[in-house]
Protein backbone atom coordinates (compact mmCIF):
# COMPACT_ATOMS: atom_id res chain seq x y z
CA MET A 1 75.84 93.82 152.91
CA LYS A 2 73.60 91.02 151.67
CA ARG A 3 72.33 90.99 148.11
CA LYS A 4 68.67 91.44 149.12
CA GLU A 5 69.54 94.47 151.21
CA ALA A 6 71.55 95.98 148.34
CA VAL A 7 68.54 95.51 146.07
CA LEU A 8 66.29 97.30 148.56
CA LEU A 9 68.79 100.15 148.83
CA CYS A 10 68.85 100.53 145.05
CA LEU A 11 65.05 100.43 144.97
CA VAL A 12 64.76 103.24 147.53
CA PHE A 13 67.33 105.34 145.68
CA LEU A 14 65.71 104.82 142.26
CA ILE A 15 62.22 105.68 143.54
CA ALA A 16 63.54 108.81 145.25
CA PHE A 17 65.58 109.88 142.23
CA SER A 18 62.74 109.25 139.76
CA LEU A 19 60.20 111.28 141.74
CA ARG A 20 62.60 114.19 141.96
CA PHE A 21 63.98 114.05 138.43
CA TYR A 22 60.73 113.54 136.47
CA ASP A 23 59.91 116.62 134.37
CA LEU A 24 62.68 118.54 136.15
CA SER A 25 62.99 121.12 133.38
CA TYR A 26 59.53 122.50 134.20
CA PRO A 27 59.28 125.37 134.86
CA ALA A 28 61.97 126.29 132.35
CA PHE A 29 62.67 129.61 134.06
CA ARG A 30 64.33 130.31 137.40
CA TRP A 31 61.69 129.90 140.05
CA ALA A 32 61.50 131.46 143.53
CA ASP A 33 64.89 131.34 145.32
CA GLU A 34 66.63 130.21 142.15
CA ASN A 35 66.57 133.88 141.10
CA GLY A 36 69.02 134.60 143.92
CA HIS A 37 70.83 131.29 144.31
CA VAL A 38 71.98 130.82 140.71
CA PRO A 39 73.63 134.22 140.08
CA ALA A 40 75.03 134.21 143.62
CA ALA A 41 76.90 130.95 142.92
CA THR A 42 78.85 132.51 140.06
CA ASN A 43 79.32 135.80 141.87
CA TYR A 44 80.71 134.07 144.93
CA TRP A 45 83.13 131.90 142.96
CA ASP A 46 84.35 134.79 140.81
CA ASN A 47 84.22 137.68 143.28
CA GLY A 48 83.80 136.26 146.79
CA GLN A 49 80.44 138.00 147.18
CA ALA A 50 77.10 136.34 148.02
CA GLU A 51 74.86 138.92 146.37
CA PRO A 52 72.05 138.76 145.31
CA ASP A 53 71.54 135.97 147.86
CA ASN A 54 71.55 136.32 151.65
CA TRP A 55 75.03 137.01 153.01
CA GLU A 56 74.35 135.57 156.46
CA HIS A 57 74.29 131.87 155.52
CA PRO A 58 77.53 129.84 155.13
CA PRO A 59 78.67 129.79 151.48
CA LEU A 60 79.41 126.15 150.61
CA ARG A 61 76.07 126.08 148.80
CA HIS A 62 77.42 128.59 146.28
CA VAL A 63 80.51 126.50 145.60
CA ILE A 64 78.53 123.27 145.04
CA LEU A 65 75.96 124.96 142.81
CA TYR A 66 78.73 126.59 140.77
CA GLY A 67 80.17 123.13 140.13
CA PHE A 68 76.82 121.85 138.85
CA LEU A 69 76.40 124.94 136.67
CA ARG A 70 79.78 124.24 135.08
CA LEU A 71 78.89 120.57 134.53
CA PHE A 72 75.34 120.94 133.22
CA GLY A 73 75.08 124.57 132.16
CA ASP A 74 72.96 127.55 133.17
CA ASN A 75 69.67 125.75 132.61
CA PRO A 76 67.08 123.89 134.74
CA TYR A 77 69.31 120.82 134.99
CA GLY A 78 72.31 122.84 136.12
CA TRP A 79 70.18 124.64 138.69
CA ARG A 80 68.32 121.63 140.08
CA LEU A 81 70.27 118.38 139.63
CA ARG A 82 72.31 119.04 142.76
CA ASN A 83 69.20 118.81 144.92
CA VAL A 84 67.77 115.87 142.97
CA LEU A 85 70.92 113.86 143.61
CA PHE A 86 71.32 114.80 147.26
CA GLY A 87 67.59 114.32 147.87
CA ALA A 88 67.76 110.77 146.53
CA LEU A 89 70.91 110.11 148.56
CA ALA A 90 69.06 111.31 151.68
CA ALA A 91 66.46 108.56 151.19
CA LEU A 92 69.24 105.98 150.85
CA LEU A 93 70.96 107.34 153.98
CA THR A 94 67.66 107.20 155.89
CA PHE A 95 67.48 103.49 155.02
CA LEU A 96 71.02 103.00 156.34
CA PHE A 97 70.36 105.04 159.48
CA ALA A 98 67.19 103.12 160.32
CA ARG A 99 68.90 99.78 159.59
CA GLN A 100 71.77 100.63 161.90
CA ILE A 101 69.50 101.88 164.69
CA SER A 102 66.82 99.19 164.60
CA GLY A 103 68.60 96.20 163.08
CA SER A 104 65.44 95.60 161.04
CA ARG A 105 65.37 95.51 157.26
CA LYS A 106 61.62 96.18 157.22
CA THR A 107 62.03 99.25 159.41
CA ALA A 108 64.82 100.51 157.16
CA LEU A 109 62.78 99.98 153.99
CA LEU A 110 59.73 101.76 155.36
CA ALA A 111 61.79 104.69 156.70
CA GLY A 112 63.64 105.06 153.38
CA LEU A 113 60.42 104.98 151.36
CA LEU A 114 58.77 107.49 153.69
CA LEU A 115 61.51 110.00 152.91
CA ALA A 116 61.70 109.03 149.23
CA THR A 117 58.02 109.88 148.74
CA ASP A 118 57.50 112.63 151.32
CA PRO A 119 55.86 115.57 149.48
CA LEU A 120 57.86 118.29 151.23
CA HIS A 121 61.19 116.56 150.70
CA VAL A 122 60.30 115.94 147.05
CA VAL A 123 59.44 119.56 146.25
CA LEU A 124 62.51 120.93 148.01
CA SER A 125 64.64 118.42 146.12
CA ARG A 126 63.40 119.79 142.80
CA TYR A 127 64.66 123.33 143.39
CA THR A 128 67.70 124.91 145.06
CA PHE A 129 66.79 124.76 148.76
CA GLU A 130 69.95 124.23 150.81
CA GLU A 131 68.12 122.11 153.40
CA ILE A 132 68.33 119.14 151.03
CA TYR A 133 72.07 118.80 150.47
CA GLY A 134 72.92 120.18 153.90
CA GLY A 135 70.64 117.56 155.42
CA ALA A 136 72.25 114.82 153.29
CA PHE A 137 75.74 115.82 154.48
CA PHE A 138 74.46 115.87 158.04
CA LEU A 139 72.81 112.44 157.82
CA ALA A 140 75.84 110.92 156.08
CA ALA A 141 78.03 112.17 158.93
CA ILE A 142 75.71 110.53 161.46
CA VAL A 143 75.59 107.21 159.59
CA LEU A 144 79.39 107.08 159.36
CA HIS A 145 79.64 107.91 163.04
CA LEU A 146 77.32 105.01 163.86
CA VAL A 147 79.37 102.50 161.88
CA HIS A 148 82.90 103.78 162.54
CA ASN A 149 83.59 101.11 165.23
CA ARG A 150 86.83 102.81 166.28
CA ARG A 151 88.06 103.08 162.68
CA SER A 152 89.71 106.48 162.55
CA SER A 153 89.26 106.85 158.77
CA LEU A 154 85.46 106.64 159.05
CA LEU A 155 85.41 109.07 161.97
CA ILE A 156 87.52 111.53 159.97
CA LEU A 157 85.18 111.20 156.97
CA SER A 158 82.19 111.72 159.27
CA ALA A 159 83.83 114.90 160.58
CA LEU A 160 84.46 116.15 157.03
CA LEU A 161 80.82 115.63 156.09
CA MET A 162 79.66 117.32 159.29
CA GLY A 163 81.87 120.25 158.31
CA CYS A 164 80.10 120.37 154.93
CA ALA A 165 76.74 120.46 156.74
CA LEU A 166 77.91 123.29 159.00
CA ALA A 167 79.21 125.18 155.96
CA THR A 168 75.67 125.06 154.56
CA LYS A 169 73.47 125.92 157.55
CA TRP A 170 74.15 126.83 161.16
CA TYR A 171 71.43 124.74 162.74
CA TYR A 172 73.39 121.50 162.63
CA VAL A 173 75.56 122.80 165.49
CA PRO A 174 73.60 121.19 168.39
CA CYS A 175 73.77 117.70 166.87
CA TRP A 176 77.42 118.22 165.94
CA LEU A 177 78.27 118.88 169.59
CA LEU A 178 76.02 116.01 170.70
CA ILE A 179 77.87 113.56 168.43
CA TYR A 180 81.20 114.84 169.75
CA ALA A 181 80.00 114.19 173.32
CA LEU A 182 78.70 110.71 172.40
CA THR A 183 82.03 109.86 170.79
CA LEU A 184 83.86 110.80 173.98
CA ARG A 185 81.36 108.67 175.94
CA GLU A 186 81.93 105.53 173.82
CA ASN A 187 84.06 103.00 175.67
CA ASP A 188 84.95 105.73 178.20
CA ASN A 189 87.10 107.46 175.60
CA TYR A 190 87.14 110.62 177.70
CA ARG A 191 89.31 108.81 180.29
CA ASN A 192 92.16 108.35 177.83
CA PHE A 193 94.01 111.58 177.10
CA ARG A 194 95.38 110.54 173.69
CA THR A 195 92.02 109.21 172.53
CA SER A 196 90.23 112.31 173.77
CA LEU A 197 92.75 114.51 171.97
CA PHE A 198 92.27 112.59 168.72
CA ILE A 199 88.48 112.79 168.96
CA THR A 200 88.59 116.50 169.74
CA SER A 201 91.02 117.31 166.95
CA THR A 202 88.94 115.20 164.55
CA TYR A 203 85.38 116.12 165.40
CA ILE A 204 85.94 119.73 166.40
CA LEU A 205 88.85 120.99 164.33
CA ILE A 206 88.02 119.26 161.03
CA PRO A 207 84.43 120.57 160.82
CA LEU A 208 85.60 124.04 161.81
CA SER A 209 88.32 123.89 159.14
CA VAL A 210 85.80 122.92 156.45
CA PHE A 211 83.55 125.75 157.58
CA ILE A 212 86.38 128.29 157.35
CA LEU A 213 87.64 126.94 153.99
CA SER A 214 84.18 127.48 152.47
CA TYR A 215 84.93 131.20 152.85
CA TYR A 216 88.11 130.97 150.76
CA PRO A 217 86.72 133.15 147.92
CA TRP A 218 85.65 135.70 150.54
CA PHE A 219 89.15 135.76 152.04
CA GLY A 220 90.40 136.30 148.49
CA ARG A 221 88.98 139.81 148.68
CA GLY A 222 91.70 140.65 151.21
CA PHE A 223 89.90 140.14 154.50
CA SER A 224 91.78 139.00 157.61
CA PHE A 225 90.84 136.29 160.10
CA THR A 226 89.90 138.94 162.64
CA GLU A 227 87.49 140.44 160.13
CA PHE A 228 86.16 136.91 159.50
CA ILE A 229 85.27 136.52 163.18
CA GLU A 230 83.54 139.89 163.08
CA PHE A 231 81.69 138.89 159.89
CA ILE A 232 80.44 135.60 161.43
CA THR A 233 79.34 137.40 164.60
CA ASN A 234 77.41 139.96 162.55
CA ALA A 235 75.82 137.18 160.49
CA TYR A 236 74.69 135.36 163.64
CA TYR A 237 73.07 138.44 165.16
CA SER A 238 71.49 139.40 161.86
CA LEU A 239 69.84 135.98 161.61
CA GLN A 240 68.70 136.07 165.24
CA ASN A 241 67.09 139.48 164.81
CA MET A 242 65.07 138.61 161.71
CA THR A 243 61.33 139.09 162.14
CA PRO A 244 58.42 138.55 159.73
CA GLU A 245 58.73 142.22 158.78
CA HIS A 246 62.12 141.48 157.17
CA TYR A 247 60.41 139.40 154.48
CA SER A 248 58.17 140.32 151.60
CA PRO A 249 54.50 140.22 152.69
CA GLU A 250 53.86 138.13 149.57
CA LEU A 251 56.02 135.28 150.91
CA PHE A 252 53.57 132.44 151.48
CA PHE A 253 55.82 130.78 154.12
CA LEU A 254 54.89 133.62 156.49
CA ARG A 255 51.46 132.01 157.02
CA HIS A 256 53.14 129.48 159.36
CA ILE A 257 56.21 130.73 161.24
CA SER A 258 56.29 128.52 164.35
CA ALA A 259 58.08 125.17 164.54
CA ALA A 260 55.51 124.12 167.16
CA GLU A 261 53.05 123.61 164.28
CA TRP A 262 55.19 121.36 162.10
CA PHE A 263 54.16 117.95 163.42
CA VAL A 264 50.72 118.66 164.88
CA ARG A 265 48.84 120.94 162.46
CA PRO A 266 48.19 120.74 158.72
CA ILE A 267 50.45 123.11 156.79
CA MET A 268 50.06 123.66 153.06
CA VAL A 269 51.40 126.82 151.44
CA GLY A 270 52.58 127.74 147.98
CA GLN A 271 51.36 129.12 144.72
CA GLY A 272 49.41 127.94 141.74
CA THR A 273 47.38 128.73 138.66
CA TYR A 274 43.90 127.65 137.64
CA LEU A 275 44.17 126.72 133.97
CA ASP A 276 40.39 126.58 133.63
CA THR A 277 37.43 125.83 135.87
CA THR A 278 38.40 122.19 136.33
CA HIS A 279 42.22 122.02 136.19
CA GLY A 280 45.15 123.74 137.84
CA GLU A 281 48.90 123.71 138.38
CA PHE A 282 50.43 124.08 141.84
CA ILE A 283 53.75 124.05 143.68
CA LEU A 284 52.84 123.48 147.31
CA TYR A 285 54.90 122.94 150.44
CA ALA A 286 53.05 120.68 152.85
CA ASN A 287 53.59 118.48 155.85
CA SER A 288 52.06 115.08 155.16
CA LEU A 289 50.14 115.28 158.42
CA PRO A 290 48.66 111.74 158.47
CA VAL A 291 52.29 110.57 158.60
CA TRP A 292 54.01 113.43 160.44
CA ILE A 293 51.52 113.42 163.31
CA LEU A 294 52.88 110.02 164.36
CA THR A 295 56.30 111.59 165.04
CA PHE A 296 56.04 112.44 168.75
CA PRO A 297 54.29 109.21 169.83
CA ALA A 298 56.79 107.16 167.82
CA LEU A 299 59.84 108.97 169.21
CA ILE A 300 58.56 108.69 172.78
CA GLY A 301 57.75 105.00 172.31
CA MET A 302 61.20 104.29 170.87
CA ALA A 303 62.90 106.16 173.72
CA ILE A 304 60.91 104.20 176.31
CA MET A 305 61.89 100.95 174.60
CA ALA A 306 65.53 102.03 174.67
CA VAL A 307 65.34 102.51 178.45
CA ARG A 308 63.47 99.27 179.11
CA GLU A 309 65.71 97.13 176.92
CA LYS A 310 68.87 99.07 177.77
CA GLU A 311 69.57 99.54 174.07
CA PHE A 312 71.07 103.00 173.77
CA PRO A 313 70.99 103.13 169.91
CA LEU A 314 67.18 103.04 170.04
CA ALA A 315 67.26 106.38 171.85
CA LEU A 316 69.36 108.09 169.17
CA PRO A 317 66.50 109.17 166.84
CA ALA A 318 64.85 110.97 169.76
CA LEU A 319 68.16 112.50 170.89
CA TYR A 320 69.09 113.77 167.43
CA PHE A 321 65.55 115.01 166.83
CA CYS A 322 65.29 116.87 170.14
CA ALA A 323 68.77 118.39 169.88
CA SER A 324 67.77 119.99 166.58
CA TYR A 325 64.06 120.64 167.05
CA LEU A 326 64.42 122.48 170.37
CA LEU A 327 66.60 125.04 168.60
CA PHE A 328 63.70 125.94 166.31
CA LEU A 329 61.21 126.09 169.16
CA PHE A 330 63.17 128.74 171.03
CA VAL A 331 64.78 130.70 168.20
CA LYS A 332 63.53 134.25 167.77
CA ARG A 333 63.38 134.32 163.98
CA PRO A 334 60.51 132.77 161.97
CA ALA A 335 60.79 128.99 161.54
CA PHE A 336 59.45 128.08 158.10
CA ILE A 337 58.16 124.62 157.24
CA TYR A 338 61.02 123.80 154.85
CA SER A 339 63.45 123.80 157.79
CA ALA A 340 61.73 120.65 159.10
CA VAL A 341 63.07 118.36 156.37
CA PHE A 342 66.38 117.51 158.01
CA LEU A 343 64.44 116.18 161.03
CA LEU A 344 62.45 113.74 158.90
CA PRO A 345 64.98 110.85 158.84
CA PHE A 346 64.79 110.67 162.64
CA ALA A 347 61.00 111.03 162.66
CA PHE A 348 60.50 108.45 159.92
CA THR A 349 62.88 105.98 161.56
CA ALA A 350 60.83 106.14 164.75
CA ILE A 351 57.54 105.87 162.85
CA ALA A 352 58.79 102.92 160.78
CA HIS A 353 60.11 101.22 163.91
CA GLY A 354 56.76 101.62 165.66
CA ILE A 355 54.82 100.24 162.70
CA THR A 356 57.21 97.30 162.38
CA GLN A 357 56.95 96.48 166.08
CA PHE A 358 53.17 96.66 165.92
CA ALA A 359 53.08 94.40 162.86
CA ASP A 360 55.45 91.89 164.44
CA ARG A 361 53.01 91.57 167.32
CA TYR A 362 49.69 91.57 165.47
CA GLY A 363 50.54 90.28 162.00
CA VAL A 364 52.89 91.14 159.15
CA ARG A 365 49.95 92.12 156.93
CA LEU A 366 49.58 95.27 159.02
CA TYR A 367 53.09 96.32 157.95
CA TYR A 368 52.27 95.99 154.26
CA ALA A 369 48.88 97.66 154.75
CA ALA A 370 50.51 100.63 156.48
CA LEU A 371 53.18 100.80 153.78
CA ALA A 372 50.56 100.79 151.02
CA VAL A 373 48.34 103.41 152.68
CA ILE A 374 51.19 105.80 153.46
CA LEU A 375 52.74 105.54 150.00
CA ALA A 376 49.33 105.97 148.36
CA TRP A 377 48.73 109.16 150.36
CA ASN A 378 52.13 110.59 149.51
CA MET A 379 51.69 109.80 145.84
CA TYR A 380 48.23 111.39 145.92
CA LEU A 381 49.93 114.63 147.01
CA TYR A 382 52.81 114.31 144.52
CA PRO A 383 51.12 116.18 141.61
CA LEU A 384 50.22 119.07 143.94
CA VAL A 385 53.85 119.74 144.83
CA THR A 386 55.45 119.27 141.42
CA ALA A 387 53.55 121.66 139.13
CA LYS A 388 51.63 118.90 137.35
CA GLN A 389 48.31 119.69 135.70
CA VAL A 390 45.72 118.19 138.00
CA PRO A 391 41.93 118.01 138.08
CA VAL A 392 40.80 120.29 140.86
CA ALA A 393 37.91 118.14 142.10
CA PRO A 394 39.94 115.37 143.85
CA TYR A 395 41.96 118.03 145.68
CA GLN A 396 39.22 120.57 146.35
CA TYR A 397 39.18 120.14 150.13
CA LEU A 398 42.94 120.51 150.41
CA LEU A 399 43.05 123.52 148.10
CA ASN A 400 40.23 125.25 149.95
CA ASN A 401 42.13 124.94 153.22
CA ALA A 402 45.61 125.77 151.87
CA ASP A 403 47.35 129.14 151.92
CA ILE A 404 47.99 129.59 148.21
CA ASN A 405 48.99 132.59 146.13
CA ILE A 406 46.97 132.24 142.94
CA HIS A 407 48.43 133.74 139.77
């Protein structure tokens, strides 16, 4: 890696980390899902039980959070630093993913900064949402798969990280199987029995082993493997049968429950307080629509370019995006906006690639103009998602059209 590229990587990481870490101790009390996640981490480690959190989701999240609680204490830093760190790493990994796919440093920088400053990714990185570190594991596995170049050690590490993603959330399964198929396709690996056996044992058995090992405290309660299979089956059907009625009617995420809205309609939900007639404090979850709405055109354009130029890597953002997004379109349970964040590296890579291609044709100033406008918009939204005291007037239109629980 060249020195200039290393500097850009550090810049992306520092910007992402700073935006997520600033004033992290506010609020000083456990907020929203932290009320379930924090006690569940200790309960799972000590007793093998997920209560008071949901039992259906894989339990690696409890193990990781317990480690941070032991390192930093039962305080806002112990609760939240895990997500701050993995959120910043996700921006760095987005840079690496875009660089590997496009071969362009400018595309990589823009994609990394888009994720570093994205309002939804920032707010989820400041609390205990599992989409952040699960998404970072997932993206790290993909990046290592892209660069493994037949090095077995990197493929094994990629499989381990994919296992960590699967042990956090189930919806990484389609891309996991896609990567396995792509690995068999590389250099006609499927034609060689020994190579196929190695790939299968690596990219199937290792992730499954990590998934099962995350249940070690649960097995410690005396359950058998047969009971484990029954438990996983029950968890799957429980998740599939969830409807809006299963949630508290006060849950603001229920205002938008379809993944079809994520990239085409403005979504802004959350809660806040008006401190007086002119100022307020808000924690909002929003898609940055002026950026996100470019997702489908950019992915389609990149896929068309991949076909025309016979450059298969250019099609990967669209393949990874579709393999994951289609799951949310057809799932029965509500699809809340926070589940979109692990799709953003693929979306932002395509958007950054499109902007870079356009600027290369019509002038490099367009690249820097787009970069400045997008970052300015994201930073304009930053106070609204991080509980900063803000004057209401500059945000009045957004607040009037948001679904906000006012306290």
